[in-house]
Amino acid sequence: MRAASYTAAIGLALAACTDAPYRLDAPRGAAGIELAPYAVYEQCARLDAGERVDYYFSSVAPVAFNVHYPDGNAVIVPITRRDVKQDGGELTADRNEIYCFTWEAGAEPSLLEYRLRPLPARH
């Protein structure tokens, strides 16, 4: 049952992403984002193939984190983490698409801080 609700949440999240996509031309981030139990928070960005994003987040309680994008009727999830309080890394877009960075609280509420930063193209 939990997997079905997670899949439905991703579908709704993708629908929300496509309503107002934006370019990640400058760093984006926030602190003090309150996540109620099982609440989802996401930030989406339109990336072109080869564009790179540095991401980092921390939370008070463990959260599930993923980066995903649509592929027809499927959802591709190149990065996924479960039950983590912090993570960071680099994502390189493999296609022109809207990528959504998504955090989901577990049974315990959490407080989230995140940063998304565009990186220069590799030569």
PDB file of N, CA and C in Angstrom:
ATOM      1  N   MET A   1       0.817  -1.182   0.000  1.00  0.00           N
ATOM      2  CA  MET A   1       0.000   0.000   0.000  1.00  0.00           C
ATOM      3  C   MET A   1       0.867   1.254   0.000  1.00  0.00           C
ATOM      4  N   ARG A   2       1.948   1.252   0.766  1.00  0.00           N
ATOM      5  CA  ARG A   2       2.835   2.411   0.840  1.00  0.00           C
ATOM      6  C   ARG A   2       3.458   2.685  -0.527  1.00  0.00           C
ATOM      7  N   ALA A   3       3.855   1.665  -1.274  1.00  0.00           N
ATOM      8  CA  ALA A   3       4.444   1.853  -2.596  1.00  0.00           C
ATOM      9  C   ALA A   3       3.449   2.507  -3.539  1.00  0.00           C
ATOM     10  N   ALA A   4       2.185   2.124  -3.459  1.00  0.00           N
ATOM     11  CA  ALA A   4       1.157   2.716  -4.323  1.00  0.00           C
ATOM     12  C   ALA A   4       0.983   4.192  -4.007  1.00  0.00           C
ATOM     13  N   SER A   5       0.986   4.553  -2.717  1.00  0.00           N
ATOM     14  CA  SER A   5       0.828   5.961  -2.369  1.00  0.00           C
ATOM     15  C   SER A   5       2.061   6.756  -2.790  1.00  0.00           C
ATOM     16  N   TYR A   6       3.245   6.145  -2.704  1.00  0.00           N
ATOM     17  CA  TYR A   6       4.462   6.822  -3.134  1.00  0.00           C
ATOM     18  C   TYR A   6       4.416   7.064  -4.643  1.00  0.00           C
ATOM     19  N   THR A   7       3.996   6.068  -5.425  1.00  0.00           N
ATOM     20  CA  THR A   7       3.883   6.213  -6.865  1.00  0.00           C
ATOM     21  C   THR A   7       2.869   7.285  -7.215  1.00  0.00           C
ATOM     22  N   ALA A   8       1.748   7.309  -6.512  1.00  0.00           N
ATOM     23  CA  ALA A   8       0.739   8.343  -6.753  1.00  0.00           C
ATOM     24  C   ALA A   8       1.296   9.715  -6.422  1.00  0.00           C
ATOM     25  N   ALA A   9       2.058   9.805  -5.345  1.00  0.00           N
ATOM     26  CA  ALA A   9       2.652  11.091  -4.959  1.00  0.00           C
ATOM     27  C   ALA A   9       3.620  11.576  -6.026  1.00  0.00           C
ATOM     28  N   ILE A  10       4.417  10.676  -6.596  1.00  0.00           N
ATOM     29  CA  ILE A  10       5.340  11.066  -7.664  1.00  0.00           C
ATOM     30  C   ILE A  10       4.550  11.566  -8.869  1.00  0.00           C
ATOM     31  N   GLY A  11       3.473  10.878  -9.209  1.00  0.00           N
ATOM     32  CA  GLY A  11       2.643  11.318 -10.335  1.00  0.00           C
ATOM     33  C   GLY A  11       2.088  12.709 -10.109  1.00  0.00           C
ATOM     34  N   LEU A  12       1.575  12.963  -8.912  1.00  0.00           N
ATOM     35  CA  LEU A  12       1.056  14.296  -8.592  1.00  0.00           C
ATOM     36  C   LEU A  12       2.177  15.320  -8.595  1.00  0.00           C
ATOM     37  N   ALA A  13       3.331  14.938  -8.107  1.00  0.00           N
ATOM     38  CA  ALA A  13       4.461  15.856  -8.078  1.00  0.00           C
ATOM     39  C   ALA A  13       4.882  16.232  -9.493  1.00  0.00           C
ATOM     40  N   LEU A  14       4.906  15.255 -10.392  1.00  0.00           N
ATOM     41  CA  LEU A  14       5.261  15.555 -11.772  1.00  0.00           C
ATOM     42  C   LEU A  14       4.240  16.478 -12.410  1.00  0.00           C
ATOM     43  N   ALA A  15       2.976  16.276 -12.121  1.00  0.00           N
ATOM     44  CA  ALA A  15       1.949  17.162 -12.653  1.00  0.00           C
ATOM     45  C   ALA A  15       2.171  18.576 -12.144  1.00  0.00           C
ATOM     46  N   ALA A  16       2.512  18.714 -10.877  1.00  0.00           N
ATOM     47  CA  ALA A  16       2.778  20.036 -10.309  1.00  0.00           C
ATOM     48  C   ALA A  16       4.016  20.652 -10.949  1.00  0.00           C
ATOM     49  N   CYS A  17       5.032  19.842 -11.226  1.00  0.00           N
ATOM     50  CA  CYS A  17       6.255  20.355 -11.835  1.00  0.00           C
ATOM     51  C   CYS A  17       5.986  20.955 -13.207  1.00  0.00           C
ATOM     52  N   THR A  18       5.138  20.324 -13.991  1.00  0.00           N
ATOM     53  CA  THR A  18       4.928  20.772 -15.355  1.00  0.00           C
ATOM     54  C   THR A  18       4.103  22.040 -15.429  1.00  0.00           C
ATOM     55  N   ASP A  19       3.445  22.442 -14.327  1.00  0.00           N
ATOM     56  CA  ASP A  19       2.662  23.669 -14.338  1.00  0.00           C
ATOM     57  C   ASP A  19       3.533  24.912 -14.363  1.00  0.00           C
ATOM     58  N   ALA A  20       4.674  24.898 -13.701  1.00  0.00           N
ATOM     59  CA  ALA A  20       5.497  26.098 -13.600  1.00  0.00           C
ATOM     60  C   ALA A  20       6.983  25.748 -13.618  1.00  0.00           C
ATOM     61  N   PRO A  21       7.471  25.174 -14.714  1.00  0.00           N
ATOM     62  CA  PRO A  21       8.896  24.843 -14.758  1.00  0.00           C
ATOM     63  C   PRO A  21       9.733  26.118 -14.806  1.00  0.00           C
ATOM     64  N   TYR A  22      10.930  26.059 -14.303  1.00  0.00           N
ATOM     65  CA  TYR A  22      11.814  27.211 -14.330  1.00  0.00           C
ATOM     66  C   TYR A  22      13.224  26.770 -14.676  1.00  0.00           C
ATOM     67  N   ARG A  23      13.979  27.720 -15.150  1.00  0.00           N
ATOM     68  CA  ARG A  23      15.394  27.474 -15.407  1.00  0.00           C
ATOM     69  C   ARG A  23      16.155  27.673 -14.108  1.00  0.00           C
ATOM     70  N   LEU A  24      17.155  26.882 -13.879  1.00  0.00           N
ATOM     71  CA  LEU A  24      17.995  27.016 -12.697  1.00  0.00           C
ATOM     72  C   LEU A  24      19.194  27.876 -13.087  1.00  0.00           C
ATOM     73  N   ASP A  25      18.957  29.196 -13.209  1.00  0.00           N
ATOM     74  CA  ASP A  25      19.989  30.134 -13.640  1.00  0.00           C
ATOM     75  C   ASP A  25      20.832  30.653 -12.493  1.00  0.00           C
ATOM     76  N   ALA A  26      20.343  30.493 -11.268  1.00  0.00           N
ATOM     77  CA  ALA A  26      21.042  30.978 -10.080  1.00  0.00           C
ATOM     78  C   ALA A  26      20.771  29.992  -8.949  1.00  0.00           C
ATOM     79  N   PRO A  27      21.593  30.016  -7.924  1.00  0.00           N
ATOM     80  CA  PRO A  27      21.350  29.111  -6.792  1.00  0.00           C
ATOM     81  C   PRO A  27      19.963  29.324  -6.198  1.00  0.00           C
ATOM     82  N   ARG A  28      19.372  28.224  -5.755  1.00  0.00           N
ATOM     83  CA  ARG A  28      18.079  28.267  -5.077  1.00  0.00           C
ATOM     84  C   ARG A  28      18.219  27.471  -3.791  1.00  0.00           C
ATOM     85  N   GLY A  29      17.523  27.906  -2.786  1.00  0.00           N
ATOM     86  CA  GLY A  29      17.577  27.174  -1.534  1.00  0.00           C
ATOM     87  C   GLY A  29      16.647  27.793  -0.520  1.00  0.00           C
ATOM     88  N   ALA A  30      16.479  27.101   0.564  1.00  0.00           N
ATOM     89  CA  ALA A  30      15.624  27.576   1.644  1.00  0.00           C
ATOM     90  C   ALA A  30      16.005  26.832   2.910  1.00  0.00           C
ATOM     91  N   ALA A  31      15.670  27.440   4.040  1.00  0.00           N
ATOM     92  CA  ALA A  31      15.891  26.819   5.344  1.00  0.00           C
ATOM     93  C   ALA A  31      14.610  26.959   6.149  1.00  0.00           C
ATOM     94  N   GLY A  32      14.424  26.069   7.094  1.00  0.00           N
ATOM     95  CA  GLY A  32      13.263  26.155   7.967  1.00  0.00           C
ATOM     96  C   GLY A  32      11.971  25.681   7.341  1.00  0.00           C
ATOM     97  N   ILE A  33      12.059  24.832   6.334  1.00  0.00           N
ATOM     98  CA  ILE A  33      10.853  24.289   5.695  1.00  0.00           C
ATOM     99  C   ILE A  33      10.287  23.197   6.594  1.00  0.00           C
ATOM    100  N   GLU A  34       9.091  23.413   7.084  1.00  0.00           N
ATOM    101  CA  GLU A  34       8.456  22.441   7.975  1.00  0.00           C
ATOM    102  C   GLU A  34       7.773  21.354   7.160  1.00  0.00           C
ATOM    103  N   LEU A  35       8.096  20.116   7.474  1.00  0.00           N
ATOM    104  CA  LEU A  35       7.470  18.960   6.837  1.00  0.00           C
ATOM    105  C   LEU A  35       6.661  18.210   7.891  1.00  0.00           C
ATOM    106  N   ALA A  36       5.356  18.196   7.715  1.00  0.00           N
ATOM    107  CA  ALA A  36       4.486  17.412   8.598  1.00  0.00           C
ATOM    108  C   ALA A  36       4.721  15.934   8.303  1.00  0.00           C
ATOM    109  N   PRO A  37       4.270  15.032   9.154  1.00  0.00           N
ATOM    110  CA  PRO A  37       4.435  13.604   8.861  1.00  0.00           C
ATOM    111  C   PRO A  37       3.903  13.255   7.463  1.00  0.00           C
ATOM    112  N   TYR A  38       4.724  12.581   6.697  1.00  0.00           N
ATOM    113  CA  TYR A  38       4.432  12.107   5.335  1.00  0.00           C
ATOM    114  C   TYR A  38       4.211  13.233   4.328  1.00  0.00           C
ATOM    115  N   ALA A  39       4.532  14.456   4.681  1.00  0.00           N
ATOM    116  CA  ALA A  39       4.402  15.576   3.745  1.00  0.00           C
ATOM    117  C   ALA A  39       5.516  15.510   2.703  1.00  0.00           C
ATOM    118  N   VAL A  40       5.231  16.065   1.520  1.00  0.00           N
ATOM    119  CA  VAL A  40       6.187  16.090   0.418  1.00  0.00           C
ATOM    120  C   VAL A  40       6.486  17.546   0.072  1.00  0.00           C
ATOM    121  N   TYR A  41       7.762  17.832  -0.160  1.00  0.00           N
ATOM    122  CA  TYR A  41       8.201  19.150  -0.617  1.00  0.00           C
ATOM    123  C   TYR A  41       9.101  18.924  -1.820  1.00  0.00           C
ATOM    124  N   GLU A  42       8.949  19.753  -2.858  1.00  0.00           N
ATOM    125  CA  GLU A  42       9.831  19.581  -4.010  1.00  0.00           C
ATOM    126  C   GLU A  42      10.118  20.898  -4.700  1.00  0.00           C
ATOM    127  N   GLN A  43      11.226  20.877  -5.418  1.00  0.00           N
ATOM    128  CA  GLN A  43      11.643  21.966  -6.280  1.00  0.00           C
ATOM    129  C   GLN A  43      11.964  21.353  -7.632  1.00  0.00           C
ATOM    130  N   CYS A  44      11.423  21.939  -8.694  1.00  0.00           N
ATOM    131  CA  CYS A  44      11.638  21.409 -10.036  1.00  0.00           C
ATOM    132  C   CYS A  44      12.364  22.432 -10.897  1.00  0.00           C
ATOM    133  N   ALA A  45      13.148  21.935 -11.843  1.00  0.00           N
ATOM    134  CA  ALA A  45      13.892  22.809 -12.746  1.00  0.00           C
ATOM    135  C   ALA A  45      13.990  22.163 -14.117  1.00  0.00           C
ATOM    136  N   ARG A  46      13.863  23.000 -15.142  1.00  0.00           N
ATOM    137  CA  ARG A  46      14.080  22.525 -16.505  1.00  0.00           C
ATOM    138  C   ARG A  46      15.580  22.527 -16.752  1.00  0.00           C
ATOM    139  N   LEU A  47      16.112  21.343 -17.075  1.00  0.00           N
ATOM    140  CA  LEU A  47      17.540  21.193 -17.358  1.00  0.00           C
ATOM    141  C   LEU A  47      17.715  20.663 -18.771  1.00  0.00           C
ATOM    142  N   ASP A  48      18.760  21.114 -19.426  1.00  0.00           N
ATOM    143  CA  ASP A  48      19.113  20.581 -20.739  1.00  0.00           C
ATOM    144  C   ASP A  48      20.163  19.495 -20.554  1.00  0.00           C
ATOM    145  N   ALA A  49      20.232  18.578 -21.506  1.00  0.00           N
ATOM    146  CA  ALA A  49      21.209  17.486 -21.436  1.00  0.00           C
ATOM    147  C   ALA A  49      22.604  18.063 -21.213  1.00  0.00           C
ATOM    148  N   GLY A  50      23.311  17.503 -20.247  1.00  0.00           N
ATOM    149  CA  GLY A  50      24.666  17.933 -19.931  1.00  0.00           C
ATOM    150  C   GLY A  50      24.743  18.992 -18.842  1.00  0.00           C
ATOM    151  N   GLU A  51      23.634  19.658 -18.538  1.00  0.00           N
ATOM    152  CA  GLU A  51      23.650  20.641 -17.450  1.00  0.00           C
ATOM    153  C   GLU A  51      23.871  19.916 -16.133  1.00  0.00           C
ATOM    154  N   ARG A  52      24.591  20.581 -15.229  1.00  0.00           N
ATOM    155  CA  ARG A  52      24.929  19.975 -13.948  1.00  0.00           C
ATOM    156  C   ARG A  52      24.370  20.806 -12.799  1.00  0.00           C
ATOM    157  N   VAL A  53      23.946  20.117 -11.749  1.00  0.00           N
ATOM    158  CA  VAL A  53      23.415  20.776 -10.555  1.00  0.00           C
ATOM    159  C   VAL A  53      24.100  20.169  -9.335  1.00  0.00           C
ATOM    160  N   ASP A  54      24.598  21.034  -8.475  1.00  0.00           N
ATOM    161  CA  ASP A  54      25.123  20.626  -7.179  1.00  0.00           C
ATOM    162  C   ASP A  54      23.959  20.741  -6.194  1.00  0.00           C
ATOM    163  N   TYR A  55      23.699  19.689  -5.439  1.00  0.00           N
ATOM    164  CA  TYR A  55      22.602  19.739  -4.469  1.00  0.00           C
ATOM    165  C   TYR A  55      23.101  19.331  -3.096  1.00  0.00           C
ATOM    166  N   TYR A  56      22.454  19.885  -2.084  1.00  0.00           N
ATOM    167  CA  TYR A  56      22.756  19.533  -0.707  1.00  0.00           C
ATOM    168  C   TYR A  56      21.492  19.761   0.112  1.00  0.00           C
ATOM    169  N   PHE A  57      21.254  18.902   1.091  1.00  0.00           N
ATOM    170  CA  PHE A  57      20.156  19.136   2.022  1.00  0.00           C
ATOM    171  C   PHE A  57      20.478  18.533   3.368  1.00  0.00           C
ATOM    172  N   SER A  58      19.801  19.062   4.377  1.00  0.00           N
ATOM    173  CA  SER A  58      19.848  18.465   5.713  1.00  0.00           C
ATOM    174  C   SER A  58      18.463  18.602   6.320  1.00  0.00           C
ATOM    175  N   SER A  59      18.135  17.671   7.197  1.00  0.00           N
ATOM    176  CA  SER A  59      16.831  17.685   7.854  1.00  0.00           C
ATOM    177  C   SER A  59      17.003  17.227   9.300  1.00  0.00           C
ATOM    178  N   VAL A  60      16.077  17.625  10.129  1.00  0.00           N
ATOM    179  CA  VAL A  60      16.131  17.266  11.546  1.00  0.00           C
ATOM    180  C   VAL A  60      15.835  15.785  11.745  1.00  0.00           C
ATOM    181  N   ALA A  61      14.831  15.282  11.062  1.00  0.00           N
ATOM    182  CA  ALA A  61      14.455  13.865  11.133  1.00  0.00           C
ATOM    183  C   ALA A  61      14.717  13.223   9.764  1.00  0.00           C
ATOM    184  N   PRO A  62      14.874  11.923   9.716  1.00  0.00           N
ATOM    185  CA  PRO A  62      15.119  11.263   8.434  1.00  0.00           C
ATOM    186  C   PRO A  62      13.989  11.496   7.427  1.00  0.00           C
ATOM    187  N   VAL A  63      14.381  11.672   6.161  1.00  0.00           N
ATOM    188  CA  VAL A  63      13.433  11.866   5.063  1.00  0.00           C
ATOM    189  C   VAL A  63      13.810  10.934   3.914  1.00  0.00           C
ATOM    190  N   ALA A  64      12.880  10.766   3.006  1.00  0.00           N
ATOM    191  CA  ALA A  64      13.170  10.105   1.735  1.00  0.00           C
ATOM    192  C   ALA A  64      13.445  11.220   0.731  1.00  0.00           C
ATOM    193  N   PHE A  65      14.432  11.033  -0.107  1.00  0.00           N
ATOM    194  CA  PHE A  65      14.813  12.038  -1.105  1.00  0.00           C
ATOM    195  C   PHE A  65      14.946  11.363  -2.445  1.00  0.00           C
ATOM    196  N   ASN A  66      14.502  12.047  -3.502  1.00  0.00           N
ATOM    197  CA  ASN A  66      14.760  11.550  -4.843  1.00  0.00           C
ATOM    198  C   ASN A  66      14.791  12.695  -5.832  1.00  0.00           C
ATOM    199  N   VAL A  67      15.407  12.419  -6.968  1.00  0.00           N
ATOM    200  CA  VAL A  67      15.348  13.299  -8.131  1.00  0.00           C
ATOM    201  C   VAL A  67      14.693  12.465  -9.214  1.00  0.00           C
ATOM    202  N   HIS A  68      13.672  13.023  -9.863  1.00  0.00           N
ATOM    203  CA  HIS A  68      12.959  12.250 -10.883  1.00  0.00           C
ATOM    204  C   HIS A  68      12.527  13.145 -12.032  1.00  0.00           C
ATOM    205  N   TYR A  69      12.219  12.500 -13.161  1.00  0.00           N
ATOM    206  CA  TYR A  69      11.685  13.203 -14.329  1.00  0.00           C
ATOM    207  C   TYR A  69      10.808  12.232 -15.116  1.00  0.00           C
ATOM    208  N   PRO A  70       9.875  12.774 -15.920  1.00  0.00           N
ATOM    209  CA  PRO A  70       8.974  11.908 -16.687  1.00  0.00           C
ATOM    210  C   PRO A  70       9.642  11.373 -17.948  1.00  0.00           C
ATOM    211  N   ASP A  71       9.207  10.195 -18.359  1.00  0.00           N
ATOM    212  CA  ASP A  71       9.630   9.593 -19.624  1.00  0.00           C
ATOM    213  C   ASP A  71       8.414   8.883 -20.188  1.00  0.00           C
ATOM    214  N   GLY A  72       7.595   9.621 -20.922  1.00  0.00           N
ATOM    215  CA  GLY A  72       6.326   9.069 -21.393  1.00  0.00           C
ATOM    216  C   GLY A  72       5.433   8.812 -20.197  1.00  0.00           C
ATOM    217  N   ASN A  73       4.957   7.581 -20.061  1.00  0.00           N
ATOM    218  CA  ASN A  73       4.112   7.217 -18.927  1.00  0.00           C
ATOM    219  C   ASN A  73       4.922   6.737 -17.721  1.00  0.00           C
ATOM    220  N   ALA A  74       6.220   6.699 -17.867  1.00  0.00           N
ATOM    221  CA  ALA A  74       7.085   6.229 -16.778  1.00  0.00           C
ATOM    222  C   ALA A  74       7.691   7.416 -16.024  1.00  0.00           C
ATOM    223  N   VAL A  75       8.252   7.122 -14.868  1.00  0.00           N
ATOM    224  CA  VAL A  75       8.988   8.101 -14.075  1.00  0.00           C
ATOM    225  C   VAL A  75      10.388   7.537 -13.869  1.00  0.00           C
ATOM    226  N   ILE A  76      11.387   8.295 -14.317  1.00  0.00           N
ATOM    227  CA  ILE A  76      12.782   7.888 -14.162  1.00  0.00           C
ATOM    228  C   ILE A  76      13.312   8.555 -12.888  1.00  0.00           C
ATOM    229  N   VAL A  77      13.964   7.758 -12.026  1.00  0.00           N
ATOM    230  CA  VAL A  77      14.457   8.245 -10.740  1.00  0.00           C
ATOM    231  C   VAL A  77      15.970   7.982 -10.682  1.00  0.00           C
ATOM    232  N   PRO A  78      16.780   8.945 -11.183  1.00  0.00           N
ATOM    233  CA  PRO A  78      18.229   8.706 -11.188  1.00  0.00           C
ATOM    234  C   PRO A  78      18.886   8.765  -9.813  1.00  0.00           C
ATOM    235  N   ILE A  79      18.266   9.441  -8.859  1.00  0.00           N
ATOM    236  CA  ILE A  79      18.834   9.519  -7.504  1.00  0.00           C
ATOM    237  C   ILE A  79      17.727   9.231  -6.501  1.00  0.00           C
ATOM    238  N   THR A  80      17.989   8.323  -5.573  1.00  0.00           N
ATOM    239  CA  THR A  80      17.024   8.042  -4.507  1.00  0.00           C
ATOM    240  C   THR A  80      17.771   7.702  -3.224  1.00  0.00           C
ATOM    241  N   ARG A  81      17.274   8.257  -2.135  1.00  0.00           N
ATOM    242  CA  ARG A  81      17.834   7.978  -0.812  1.00  0.00           C
ATOM    243  C   ARG A  81      16.672   7.735   0.142  1.00  0.00           C
ATOM    244  N   ARG A  82      16.846   6.843   1.085  1.00  0.00           N
ATOM    245  CA  ARG A  82      15.822   6.527   2.088  1.00  0.00           C
ATOM    246  C   ARG A  82      16.370   6.805   3.474  1.00  0.00           C
ATOM    247  N   ASP A  83      15.526   7.353   4.327  1.00  0.00           N
ATOM    248  CA  ASP A  83      15.856   7.538   5.744  1.00  0.00           C
ATOM    249  C   ASP A  83      17.208   8.212   5.959  1.00  0.00           C
ATOM    250  N   VAL A  84      17.371   9.402   5.365  1.00  0.00           N
ATOM    251  CA  VAL A  84      18.611  10.149   5.527  1.00  0.00           C
ATOM    252  C   VAL A  84      18.317  11.525   6.138  1.00  0.00           C
ATOM    253  N   LYS A  85      19.279  12.020   6.893  1.00  0.00           N
ATOM    254  CA  LYS A  85      19.159  13.357   7.463  1.00  0.00           C
ATOM    255  C   LYS A  85      19.920  14.391   6.647  1.00  0.00           C
ATOM    256  N   GLN A  86      20.821  13.916   5.793  1.00  0.00           N
ATOM    257  CA  GLN A  86      21.515  14.842   4.898  1.00  0.00           C
ATOM    258  C   GLN A  86      22.100  14.063   3.737  1.00  0.00           C
ATOM    259  N   ASP A  87      22.289  14.782   2.643  1.00  0.00           N
ATOM    260  CA  ASP A  87      22.894  14.188   1.467  1.00  0.00           C
ATOM    261  C   ASP A  87      23.290  15.329   0.546  1.00  0.00           C
ATOM    262  N   GLY A  88      24.151  15.040  -0.356  1.00  0.00           N
ATOM    263  CA  GLY A  88      24.567  16.028  -1.343  1.00  0.00           C
ATOM    264  C   GLY A  88      25.269  15.326  -2.468  1.00  0.00           C
ATOM    265  N   GLY A  89      25.421  16.034  -3.551  1.00  0.00           N
ATOM    266  CA  GLY A  89      26.099  15.462  -4.692  1.00  0.00           C
ATOM    267  C   GLY A  89      25.887  16.304  -5.922  1.00  0.00           C
ATOM    268  N   GLU A  90      26.125  15.682  -7.039  1.00  0.00           N
ATOM    269  CA  GLU A  90      26.009  16.362  -8.318  1.00  0.00           C
ATOM    270  C   GLU A  90      25.129  15.532  -9.246  1.00  0.00           C
ATOM    271  N   LEU A  91      24.219  16.201  -9.905  1.00  0.00           N
ATOM    272  CA  LEU A  91      23.368  15.564 -10.911  1.00  0.00           C
ATOM    273  C   LEU A  91      23.735  16.150 -12.265  1.00  0.00           C
ATOM    274  N   THR A  92      23.965  15.288 -13.250  1.00  0.00           N
ATOM    275  CA  THR A  92      24.146  15.726 -14.625  1.00  0.00           C
ATOM    276  C   THR A  92      22.930  15.252 -15.416  1.00  0.00           C
ATOM    277  N   ALA A  93      22.210  16.206 -16.008  1.00  0.00           N
ATOM    278  CA  ALA A  93      21.010  15.867 -16.780  1.00  0.00           C
ATOM    279  C   ALA A  93      21.404  15.051 -18.004  1.00  0.00           C
ATOM    280  N   ASP A  94      20.705  13.940 -18.220  1.00  0.00           N
ATOM    281  CA  ASP A  94      21.005  13.118 -19.389  1.00  0.00           C
ATOM    282  C   ASP A  94      20.062  13.408 -20.552  1.00  0.00           C
ATOM    283  N   ARG A  95      19.093  14.319 -20.339  1.00  0.00           N
ATOM    284  CA  ARG A  95      18.171  14.705 -21.415  1.00  0.00           C
ATOM    285  C   ARG A  95      17.554  16.047 -21.064  1.00  0.00           C
ATOM    286  N   ASN A  96      16.958  16.704 -22.044  1.00  0.00           N
ATOM    287  CA  ASN A  96      16.229  17.943 -21.818  1.00  0.00           C
ATOM    288  C   ASN A  96      14.908  17.580 -21.156  1.00  0.00           C
ATOM    289  N   GLU A  97      14.749  17.978 -19.900  1.00  0.00           N
ATOM    290  CA  GLU A  97      13.539  17.574 -19.172  1.00  0.00           C
ATOM    291  C   GLU A  97      13.394  18.411 -17.909  1.00  0.00           C
ATOM    292  N   ILE A  98      12.249  18.297 -17.272  1.00  0.00           N
ATOM    293  CA  ILE A  98      12.009  18.916 -15.982  1.00  0.00           C
ATOM    294  C   ILE A  98      12.387  17.897 -14.913  1.00  0.00           C
ATOM    295  N   TYR A  99      13.379  18.240 -14.106  1.00  0.00           N
ATOM    296  CA  TYR A  99      13.859  17.381 -13.027  1.00  0.00           C
ATOM    297  C   TYR A  99      13.293  17.909 -11.717  1.00  0.00           C
ATOM    298  N   CYS A 100      12.722  17.028 -10.902  1.00  0.00           N
ATOM    299  CA  CYS A 100      12.144  17.424  -9.618  1.00  0.00           C
ATOM    300  C   CYS A 100      12.953  16.815  -8.480  1.00  0.00           C
ATOM    301  N   PHE A 101      13.407  17.678  -7.578  1.00  0.00           N
ATOM    302  CA  PHE A 101      14.118  17.290  -6.362  1.00  0.00           C
ATOM    303  C   PHE A 101      13.053  17.223  -5.272  1.00  0.00           C
ATOM    304  N   THR A 102      12.845  16.038  -4.681  1.00  0.00           N
ATOM    305  CA  THR A 102      11.697  15.808  -3.808  1.00  0.00           C
ATOM    306  C   THR A 102      12.115  15.205  -2.468  1.00  0.00           C
ATOM    307  N   TRP A 103      11.533  15.764  -1.415  1.00  0.00           N
ATOM    308  CA  TRP A 103      11.762  15.276  -0.058  1.00  0.00           C
ATOM    309  C   TRP A 103      10.430  14.848   0.541  1.00  0.00           C
ATOM    310  N   GLU A 104      10.396  13.708   1.231  1.00  0.00           N
ATOM    311  CA  GLU A 104       9.180  13.239   1.891  1.00  0.00           C
ATOM    312  C   GLU A 104       9.517  12.857   3.328  1.00  0.00           C
ATOM    313  N   ALA A 105       8.775  13.458   4.257  1.00  0.00           N
ATOM    314  CA  ALA A 105       8.946  13.125   5.671  1.00  0.00           C
ATOM    315  C   ALA A 105       8.379  11.735   5.931  1.00  0.00           C
ATOM    316  N   GLY A 106       8.869  11.118   6.970  1.00  0.00           N
ATOM    317  CA  GLY A 106       8.320   9.840   7.421  1.00  0.00           C
ATOM    318  C   GLY A 106       7.249  10.098   8.467  1.00  0.00           C
ATOM    319  N   ALA A 107       7.105   9.182   9.393  1.00  0.00           N
ATOM    320  CA  ALA A 107       6.091   9.313  10.445  1.00  0.00           C
ATOM    321  C   ALA A 107       6.386  10.479  11.382  1.00  0.00           C
ATOM    322  N   GLU A 108       7.648  10.875  11.429  1.00  0.00           N
ATOM    323  CA  GLU A 108       8.069  11.967  12.301  1.00  0.00           C
ATOM    324  C   GLU A 108       8.147  13.268  11.488  1.00  0.00           C
ATOM    325  N   PRO A 109       7.639  14.390  11.990  1.00  0.00           N
ATOM    326  CA  PRO A 109       7.777  15.659  11.268  1.00  0.00           C
ATOM    327  C   PRO A 109       9.248  16.042  11.180  1.00  0.00           C
ATOM    328  N   SER A 110       9.573  16.912  10.237  1.00  0.00           N
ATOM    329  CA  SER A 110      10.967  17.303  10.071  1.00  0.00           C
ATOM    330  C   SER A 110      11.066  18.775   9.694  1.00  0.00           C
ATOM    331  N   LEU A 111      12.269  19.277   9.739  1.00  0.00           N
ATOM    332  CA  LEU A 111      12.601  20.634   9.345  1.00  0.00           C
ATOM    333  C   LEU A 111      13.698  20.495   8.295  1.00  0.00           C
ATOM    334  N   LEU A 112      13.483  21.068   7.109  1.00  0.00           N
ATOM    335  CA  LEU A 112      14.357  20.851   5.957  1.00  0.00           C
ATOM    336  C   LEU A 112      15.095  22.127   5.575  1.00  0.00           C
ATOM    337  N   GLU A 113      16.341  21.941   5.174  1.00  0.00           N
ATOM    338  CA  GLU A 113      17.139  23.003   4.555  1.00  0.00           C
ATOM    339  C   GLU A 113      17.747  22.398   3.296  1.00  0.00           C
ATOM    340  N   TYR A 114      17.721  23.143   2.170  1.00  0.00           N
ATOM    341  CA  TYR A 114      18.291  22.609   0.935  1.00  0.00           C
ATOM    342  C   TYR A 114      18.955  23.712   0.124  1.00  0.00           C
ATOM    343  N   ARG A 115      19.806  23.266  -0.821  1.00  0.00           N
ATOM    344  CA  ARG A 115      20.464  24.158  -1.755  1.00  0.00           C
ATOM    345  C   ARG A 115      20.584  23.443  -3.101  1.00  0.00           C
ATOM    346  N   LEU A 116      20.226  24.130  -4.172  1.00  0.00           N
ATOM    347  CA  LEU A 116      20.442  23.668  -5.540  1.00  0.00           C
ATOM    348  C   LEU A 116      21.280  24.736  -6.219  1.00  0.00           C
ATOM    349  N   ARG A 117      22.369  24.336  -6.854  1.00  0.00           N
ATOM    350  CA  ARG A 117      23.271  25.314  -7.454  1.00  0.00           C
ATOM    351  C   ARG A 117      23.707  24.830  -8.831  1.00  0.00           C
ATOM    352  N   PRO A 118      23.465  25.659  -9.876  1.00  0.00           N
ATOM    353  CA  PRO A 118      23.936  25.261 -11.214  1.00  0.00           C
ATOM    354  C   PRO A 118      25.460  25.288 -11.249  1.00  0.00           C
ATOM    355  N   LEU A 119      26.033  24.323 -11.938  1.00  0.00           N
ATOM    356  CA  LEU A 119      27.485  24.247 -12.084  1.00  0.00           C
ATOM    357  C   LEU A 119      27.867  24.584 -13.524  1.00  0.00           C
ATOM    358  N   PRO A 120      29.079  25.089 -13.730  1.00  0.00           N
ATOM    359  CA  PRO A 120      29.515  25.394 -15.093  1.00  0.00           C
ATOM    360  C   PRO A 120      29.620  24.120 -15.936  1.00  0.00           C
ATOM    361  N   ALA A 121      29.404  24.275 -17.204  1.00  0.00           N
ATOM    362  CA  ALA A 121      29.501  23.132 -18.128  1.00  0.00           C
ATOM    363  C   ALA A 121      30.941  22.628 -18.164  1.00  0.00           C
ATOM    364  N   ARG A 122      31.082  21.338 -18.342  1.00  0.00           N
ATOM    365  CA  ARG A 122      32.423  20.743 -18.471  1.00  0.00           C
ATOM    366  C   ARG A 122      32.899  20.929 -19.899  1.00  0.00           C
ATOM    367  N   HIS A 123      34.194  21.153 -20.030  1.00  0.00           N
ATOM    368  CA  HIS A 123      34.767  21.326 -21.367  1.00  0.00           C
ATOM    369  C   HIS A 123      35.660  20.194 -21.717  1.00  0.00           C
TER     370      HIS A 123
END
